[in-house]
Amino acid sequence: MASTRFRDDLARREEQVRHSTFACGYMINAPGNGTRPDYIEDPQFRLQKWGANYMTNSVDLESNLKGIRPLNRDCIGQSEYTNFNVNSKPIQYPNNSCLYTEQPRAIAPAWELRDVETQMPKYEPLLNPQENVEVQFQNNVSTRILEKDTFNPESLLLHPLQTEDLLPRHYAKQN
């Protein structure tokens, strides 16, 4: 009769041993730009995520910095962090100095270009660019103040207000 236990499967046991012995042997992170990306030397570029700052043996180095390391109770004198550091060295990445940002203030300062005439065409424009700069009508004027200024009390004496003048026109026609 066949064994139906999950844990007794030989392939599952081998996979479990492989997982348990390889704990923290890898870093979980977003995929990078390749195995040997260029390091851009231009100071205007901001290094984000991967910044050519990885070291060899980075998992052990990171664990050592966080204080996750073998305890000294098992092997006294062998894993003291003051005597033995993690063997690690910086990874050498290829440098790329071809990409650079031109800085016009440094290349052509203002005191050198102040008297240089621009290379604009010398013909008159078809339309006057300053034609609509000034507004042709009054703006930002309060109509309430205008009505106060132009009010004439004599007009009320000549034509006193009637109730028909106060009601809407369609209402006055219905009555």
Protein backbone atom coordinates (compact mmCIF):
# COMPACT_ATOMS: atom_id res chain seq x y z
CA MET A 1 0.00 0.00 0.00
CA ALA A 2 1.32 3.46 -0.94
CA SER A 3 2.17 6.03 1.70
CA THR A 4 -0.12 9.05 1.51
CA ARG A 5 1.70 11.23 4.00
CA PHE A 6 2.90 14.49 2.54
CA ARG A 7 5.98 14.73 4.73
CA ASP A 8 7.31 11.32 3.79
CA ASP A 9 7.69 12.22 0.12
CA LEU A 10 11.42 12.11 -0.74
CA ALA A 11 11.30 15.11 -3.11
CA ARG A 12 9.48 17.20 -0.50
CA ARG A 13 12.04 16.35 2.17
CA GLU A 14 14.93 17.29 -0.12
CA GLU A 15 13.24 20.59 -0.98
CA GLN A 16 12.62 21.35 2.71
CA VAL A 17 16.28 20.66 3.55
CA ARG A 18 17.38 22.87 0.65
CA HIS A 19 15.17 25.72 1.89
CA SER A 20 16.31 25.41 5.50
CA THR A 21 20.03 25.39 4.65
CA PHE A 22 19.77 28.35 2.25
CA ALA A 23 17.99 30.67 4.70
CA CYS A 24 19.10 34.32 4.29
CA GLY A 25 21.39 33.37 1.45
CA TYR A 26 19.59 35.77 -0.88
CA MET A 27 18.20 39.29 -0.85
CA ILE A 28 14.60 40.02 -1.70
CA ASN A 29 14.53 43.23 -3.69
CA ALA A 30 13.22 44.68 -6.93
CA PRO A 31 15.08 43.41 -9.99
CA GLY A 32 18.08 45.53 -10.83
CA ASN A 33 19.38 46.92 -14.09
CA GLY A 34 21.41 43.84 -14.90
CA THR A 35 24.42 42.09 -13.44
CA ARG A 36 27.00 44.73 -14.42
CA PRO A 37 25.26 48.09 -14.91
CA ASP A 38 27.36 51.17 -15.58
CA TYR A 39 28.02 53.64 -12.80
CA ILE A 40 27.16 57.11 -14.12
CA GLU A 41 29.83 59.56 -12.96
CA ASP A 42 27.80 62.71 -13.64
CA PRO A 43 27.01 64.45 -10.31
CA GLN A 44 23.69 65.69 -11.73
CA PHE A 45 22.32 62.13 -11.81
CA ARG A 46 20.60 60.95 -8.65
CA LEU A 47 21.36 57.37 -7.75
CA GLN A 48 18.13 55.64 -6.81
CA LYS A 49 17.63 52.12 -5.45
CA TRP A 50 20.78 50.49 -6.80
CA GLY A 51 23.52 53.07 -6.52
CA ALA A 52 26.61 50.96 -7.21
CA ASN A 53 26.96 50.50 -3.48
CA TYR A 54 26.66 46.74 -3.14
CA MET A 55 29.41 44.70 -1.58
CA THR A 56 30.26 41.07 -1.98
CA ASN A 57 28.71 38.85 0.68
CA SER A 58 26.04 41.51 1.26
CA VAL A 59 23.64 39.26 3.20
CA ASP A 60 26.20 38.39 5.88
CA LEU A 61 27.38 41.99 5.99
CA GLU A 62 23.84 43.29 6.47
CA SER A 63 23.12 40.66 9.12
CA ASN A 64 26.30 41.60 10.95
CA LEU A 65 25.35 45.29 10.91
CA LYS A 66 21.90 44.46 12.31
CA GLY A 67 23.42 42.32 15.05
CA ILE A 68 22.19 39.03 13.60
CA ARG A 69 25.25 36.81 13.91
CA PRO A 70 26.30 33.56 15.58
CA LEU A 71 26.34 33.77 19.34
CA ASN A 72 29.64 33.75 21.20
CA ARG A 73 28.50 31.04 23.58
CA ASP A 74 29.19 28.29 21.03
CA CYS A 75 32.61 29.27 19.72
CA ILE A 76 34.33 31.64 22.12
CA GLY A 77 36.86 33.87 20.39
CA GLN A 78 35.84 32.78 16.93
CA SER A 79 32.91 35.09 16.16
CA GLU A 80 33.77 38.22 18.12
CA TYR A 81 32.71 41.15 16.01
CA THR A 82 35.66 43.27 17.13
CA ASN A 83 38.22 40.74 15.95
CA PHE A 84 36.52 39.18 12.94
CA ASN A 85 34.56 41.15 10.38
CA VAL A 86 32.60 39.69 7.53
CA ASN A 87 34.80 39.10 4.50
CA SER A 88 33.46 41.53 1.97
CA LYS A 89 34.84 43.96 -0.58
CA PRO A 90 33.21 46.49 -2.91
CA ILE A 91 32.08 45.25 -6.29
CA GLN A 92 33.84 47.00 -9.15
CA TYR A 93 31.31 48.33 -11.65
CA PRO A 94 32.22 49.81 -15.03
CA ASN A 95 32.28 53.62 -15.02
CA ASN A 96 30.47 55.66 -17.64
CA SER A 97 31.70 59.20 -18.14
CA CYS A 98 30.12 59.67 -21.60
CA LEU A 99 26.80 60.84 -20.19
CA TYR A 100 27.03 64.31 -18.74
CA THR A 101 24.79 67.30 -18.21
CA GLU A 102 25.85 70.55 -19.79
CA GLN A 103 25.67 73.46 -17.41
CA PRO A 104 25.15 76.64 -19.45
CA ARG A 105 26.01 78.97 -16.56
CA ALA A 106 29.42 77.33 -16.25
CA ILE A 107 30.08 76.91 -19.99
CA ALA A 108 28.93 80.36 -21.12
CA PRO A 109 28.67 82.78 -18.20
CA ALA A 110 26.51 85.89 -18.50
CA TRP A 111 29.43 88.34 -18.48
CA GLU A 112 30.73 86.78 -21.71
CA LEU A 113 27.37 86.85 -23.49
CA ARG A 114 26.07 90.22 -22.31
CA ASP A 115 27.11 92.21 -25.40
CA VAL A 116 26.52 89.44 -27.93
CA GLU A 117 23.53 90.18 -30.15
CA THR A 118 20.97 87.44 -30.54
CA GLN A 119 20.50 85.70 -33.87
CA MET A 120 16.85 86.71 -34.29
CA PRO A 121 15.52 87.66 -37.75
CA LYS A 122 15.44 91.42 -38.44
CA TYR A 123 12.05 91.68 -40.23
CA GLU A 124 8.92 93.21 -38.73
CA PRO A 125 6.38 90.72 -37.36
CA LEU A 126 3.12 90.29 -39.29
CA LEU A 127 1.01 90.99 -36.21
CA ASN A 128 1.83 93.48 -33.51
CA PRO A 129 2.57 91.35 -30.41
CA GLN A 130 1.65 94.27 -28.10
CA GLU A 131 -1.69 94.97 -29.75
CA ASN A 132 -3.84 93.43 -27.02
CA VAL A 133 -1.72 94.35 -24.03
CA GLU A 134 -3.98 97.20 -22.93
CA VAL A 135 -7.58 96.34 -22.13
CA GLN A 136 -10.07 98.38 -24.22
CA PHE A 137 -12.87 98.48 -21.61
CA GLN A 138 -13.18 99.34 -17.96
CA ASN A 139 -12.43 96.43 -15.73
CA ASN A 140 -12.35 95.85 -11.99
CA VAL A 141 -15.04 98.50 -11.52
CA SER A 142 -17.82 97.91 -9.02
CA THR A 143 -21.22 98.33 -10.71
CA ARG A 144 -22.78 99.12 -7.35
CA ILE A 145 -20.52 102.15 -6.94
CA LEU A 146 -21.19 103.18 -10.56
CA GLU A 147 -24.95 103.12 -9.94
CA LYS A 148 -24.52 105.18 -6.79
CA ASP A 149 -22.48 107.75 -8.69
CA THR A 150 -24.95 108.06 -11.58
CA PHE A 151 -28.12 108.03 -9.46
CA ASN A 152 -30.36 111.06 -10.02
CA PRO A 153 -33.10 111.61 -7.39
CA GLU A 154 -34.99 113.95 -9.73
CA SER A 155 -35.79 111.03 -12.03
CA LEU A 156 -37.87 109.49 -9.24
CA LEU A 157 -39.83 112.74 -8.81
CA LEU A 158 -40.67 112.92 -12.52
CA HIS A 159 -41.59 109.24 -12.81
CA PRO A 160 -42.65 107.81 -9.43
CA LEU A 161 -42.45 104.04 -9.03
CA GLN A 162 -45.65 102.13 -9.73
CA THR A 163 -46.43 98.60 -8.55
CA GLU A 164 -46.39 97.41 -12.17
CA ASP A 165 -42.79 98.53 -12.42
CA LEU A 166 -41.84 96.34 -9.48
CA LEU A 167 -43.59 93.18 -10.69
CA PRO A 168 -42.31 91.03 -13.54
CA ARG A 169 -43.79 91.89 -16.94
CA HIS A 170 -45.50 88.51 -17.50
CA TYR A 171 -47.21 88.80 -14.09
CA ALA A 172 -48.60 92.24 -14.89
CA LYS A 173 -50.08 90.96 -18.20
CA GLN A 174 -51.97 88.11 -16.50
CA ASN A 175 -53.98 90.43 -14.20
